[in-house]
Protein backbone atom coordinates (compact mmCIF):
# COMPACT_ATOMS: atom_id res chain seq x y z
CA SER A 1 76.68 86.39 83.14
CA ARG A 2 78.38 87.60 86.27
CA LEU A 3 81.49 85.77 87.47
CA ASN A 4 80.65 84.24 90.84
CA MET A 5 83.67 84.42 93.13
CA GLY A 6 81.80 82.90 96.07
CA PHE A 7 80.96 86.24 97.65
CA ASP A 8 77.19 86.14 97.05
CA GLY A 9 75.28 86.91 100.21
CA TRP A 10 78.08 88.95 101.76
CA PRO A 11 77.03 92.20 103.45
CA PRO A 12 77.55 95.41 101.44
CA GLY A 13 81.15 96.56 101.69
CA ALA A 14 82.50 93.31 103.15
CA VAL A 15 84.36 92.18 100.03
CA ARG A 16 85.78 95.66 99.55
CA ALA A 17 86.86 95.72 103.21
CA LEU A 18 88.55 92.33 102.78
CA VAL A 19 90.48 93.54 99.73
CA VAL A 20 91.50 96.85 101.33
CA LEU A 21 92.50 95.17 104.59
CA SER A 22 94.51 92.55 102.68
CA ILE A 23 96.49 95.32 100.98
CA THR A 24 96.85 97.06 104.34
CA MET A 25 98.20 93.86 105.89
CA ILE A 26 100.71 93.41 103.08
CA ILE A 27 102.03 96.92 103.72
CA ALA A 28 101.93 96.69 107.53
CA TRP A 29 103.59 93.27 107.81
CA GLY A 30 105.99 94.02 104.95
CA THR A 31 107.29 97.20 106.55
CA LEU A 32 106.71 97.00 110.30
CA PHE A 33 107.54 93.33 110.80
CA TYR A 34 109.77 92.27 107.91
CA GLY A 35 111.47 95.63 107.32
CA VAL A 36 114.26 94.93 109.81
CA THR A 37 115.50 92.02 107.68
CA LEU A 38 116.49 94.43 104.89
CA ILE A 39 117.30 97.51 106.92
CA GLY A 40 119.14 95.86 109.82
CA PRO A 41 122.23 94.71 107.90
CA ARG A 42 122.53 98.14 106.26
CA ILE A 43 122.30 99.90 109.62
CA MET A 44 125.10 97.63 110.86
CA ALA A 45 127.23 98.38 107.79
CA GLU A 46 126.80 102.15 108.08
CA THR A 47 127.02 102.55 111.85
CA GLY A 48 129.14 99.62 112.97
CA TRP A 49 126.50 98.73 115.54
CA SER A 50 126.26 95.05 116.39
CA LYS A 51 123.66 92.61 115.17
CA THR A 52 122.63 92.16 118.80
CA LEU A 53 122.01 95.91 119.16
CA ILE A 54 119.99 96.13 115.93
CA PHE A 55 117.87 93.05 116.45
CA GLY A 56 117.54 93.89 120.15
CA ALA A 57 115.81 97.07 118.99
CA PHE A 58 113.40 94.96 116.95
CA SER A 59 112.85 92.76 120.01
CA LEU A 60 111.92 95.94 121.88
CA ALA A 61 109.36 96.65 119.14
CA MET A 62 107.81 93.25 119.74
CA LEU A 63 107.82 93.84 123.51
CA CYS A 64 106.15 97.24 123.13
CA SER A 65 103.55 95.71 120.85
CA GLY A 66 102.79 93.07 123.46
CA LEU A 67 102.75 95.54 126.36
CA ILE A 68 100.14 97.73 124.70
CA ALA A 69 98.04 94.79 123.50
CA PRO A 70 95.57 94.93 126.43
CA ARG A 71 94.84 98.60 125.67
CA VAL A 72 94.52 97.78 121.98
CA GLY A 73 92.00 95.08 122.84
CA ALA A 74 90.01 97.47 125.02
CA TRP A 75 90.00 100.06 122.22
CA ILE A 76 88.79 97.42 119.74
CA ASP A 77 86.02 96.31 122.13
CA ALA A 78 84.87 99.89 122.68
CA ARG A 79 85.29 101.43 119.23
CA GLY A 80 86.16 98.74 116.70
CA GLY A 81 89.39 98.42 114.77
CA ARG A 82 89.02 100.92 111.94
CA GLY A 83 90.22 104.09 113.68
CA LEU A 84 92.83 102.14 115.61
CA MET A 85 94.31 100.82 112.37
CA ALA A 86 94.64 104.35 111.01
CA LEU A 87 96.31 105.48 114.23
CA GLY A 88 98.55 102.40 114.31
CA SER A 89 99.67 103.03 110.75
CA LEU A 90 100.49 106.66 111.53
CA VAL A 91 102.46 105.63 114.63
CA GLY A 92 104.34 103.00 112.59
CA GLY A 93 105.11 105.66 109.99
CA LEU A 94 106.37 107.99 112.73
CA GLY A 95 108.63 105.17 113.92
CA TYR A 96 110.11 104.84 110.44
CA LEU A 97 110.56 108.60 110.22
CA MET A 98 112.44 108.46 113.53
CA LEU A 99 114.50 105.50 112.28
CA ALA A 100 115.52 107.40 109.15
CA PHE A 101 117.16 110.01 111.38
CA ALA A 102 118.53 107.67 114.07
CA HIS A 103 122.21 108.39 114.70
CA SER A 104 122.59 106.75 118.09
CA PRO A 105 121.48 103.51 119.71
CA VAL A 106 119.07 105.45 121.92
CA MET A 107 117.40 106.94 118.82
CA LEU A 108 117.34 103.49 117.21
CA TYR A 109 115.59 101.99 120.24
CA ALA A 110 113.12 104.90 120.45
CA ALA A 111 112.28 104.43 116.77
CA TYR A 112 111.73 100.69 117.16
CA ALA A 113 109.64 101.18 120.32
CA THR A 114 107.43 103.51 118.27
CA ILE A 115 107.27 100.97 115.44
CA GLY A 116 106.21 98.36 118.01
CA PHE A 117 103.34 100.53 119.21
CA GLY A 118 102.36 100.97 115.57
CA MET A 119 102.43 97.20 115.06
CA ALA A 120 99.94 96.69 117.87
CA GLY A 121 97.46 98.98 116.20
CA SER A 122 97.90 97.96 112.59
CA LEU A 123 98.44 94.23 112.30
CA TYR A 124 95.87 91.42 112.50
CA ASP A 125 94.00 92.09 115.76
CA PRO A 126 92.28 95.33 114.71
CA ALA A 127 91.87 94.04 111.15
CA PHE A 128 90.05 90.93 112.36
CA ALA A 129 87.79 93.05 114.58
CA THR A 130 87.04 95.37 111.68
CA LEU A 131 86.16 92.46 109.42
CA ALA A 132 83.99 90.88 112.09
CA ARG A 133 81.91 94.04 112.35
CA ILE A 134 81.62 94.58 108.60
CA ALA A 135 81.22 91.00 107.40
CA GLY A 136 78.66 89.91 109.97
CA SER A 137 77.69 86.29 109.33
CA LYS A 138 80.54 85.99 106.80
CA ALA A 139 83.15 87.10 109.35
CA ARG A 140 84.63 83.63 109.85
CA THR A 141 85.29 83.27 106.11
CA ALA A 142 86.62 86.84 105.82
CA ILE A 143 88.94 86.38 108.80
CA THR A 144 90.18 83.12 107.30
CA LEU A 145 90.91 84.80 103.96
CA LEU A 146 92.66 87.89 105.35
CA PRO A 147 95.93 86.14 106.35
CA LEU A 148 96.19 84.79 102.81
CA GLY A 149 96.56 88.39 101.65
CA GLY A 150 98.81 89.37 104.55
CA GLY A 151 100.92 86.30 103.86
CA LEU A 152 102.08 87.98 100.67
CA ALA A 153 103.91 90.64 102.69
CA SER A 154 107.36 89.09 102.45
CA THR A 155 106.74 88.04 98.84
CA VAL A 156 106.01 91.67 97.94
CA PHE A 157 108.21 93.68 100.30
CA TRP A 158 111.50 91.77 100.22
CA PRO A 159 111.92 92.11 96.44
CA LEU A 160 110.47 95.63 96.48
CA GLY A 161 112.75 96.67 99.34
CA LEU A 162 115.81 95.13 97.67
CA TRP A 163 114.96 96.89 94.42
CA LEU A 164 114.57 100.23 96.24
CA LEU A 165 117.87 99.63 98.07
CA SER A 166 119.57 99.21 94.70
CA PHE A 167 119.31 102.98 94.20
CA MET A 168 118.75 104.42 97.68
CA ASP A 169 120.19 103.91 101.14
CA TRP A 170 118.39 102.44 104.13
CA ARG A 171 117.49 105.86 105.51
CA ALA A 172 115.67 106.76 102.30
CA LEU A 173 113.90 103.38 102.40
CA CYS A 174 112.75 104.21 105.93
CA LEU A 175 111.28 107.44 104.55
CA VAL A 176 109.48 105.50 101.81
CA TYR A 177 108.07 103.17 104.46
CA ALA A 178 107.02 106.17 106.57
CA VAL A 179 105.16 107.64 103.59
CA LEU A 180 103.38 104.32 102.98
CA HIS A 181 101.99 104.62 106.52
CA GLY A 182 101.14 108.33 106.28
């Protein structure tokens, strides 16, 4: 007999979308949001830049994400979240590519601004909209379950990032993160 996981009656593709989006959220939150916790101290050690400068750059990412949020919402209303999430991931990856080659505070801030724009297009808002369209009447349940997957981001990416940093520098880790978004 078939194992019933409580997904009977879900629209075709909704469970698959939930699983794929959960993995996407783990990667997006783990790199775009939590990445600075591993990379920031190594940037400070290599460059001598202050903690205020480094985490100010991350604050700029958050500001950029918030500033573009109304446009993200309009995109989601008009077209859904699927294409936006792909674009957001590419932009986040571009930000990490820029960060890998940042050799000045201006380059650091440009990279984090780009990461912030990527965050707006690849974190929960477009994912929730995508699930709502795919899951139909099961959207409330799907949207409730998605953060459980995304909540694993720090559990997965802090140990993974630390392990990668045991044999590569922070710039190489930024390239790995860029590839994950590519």
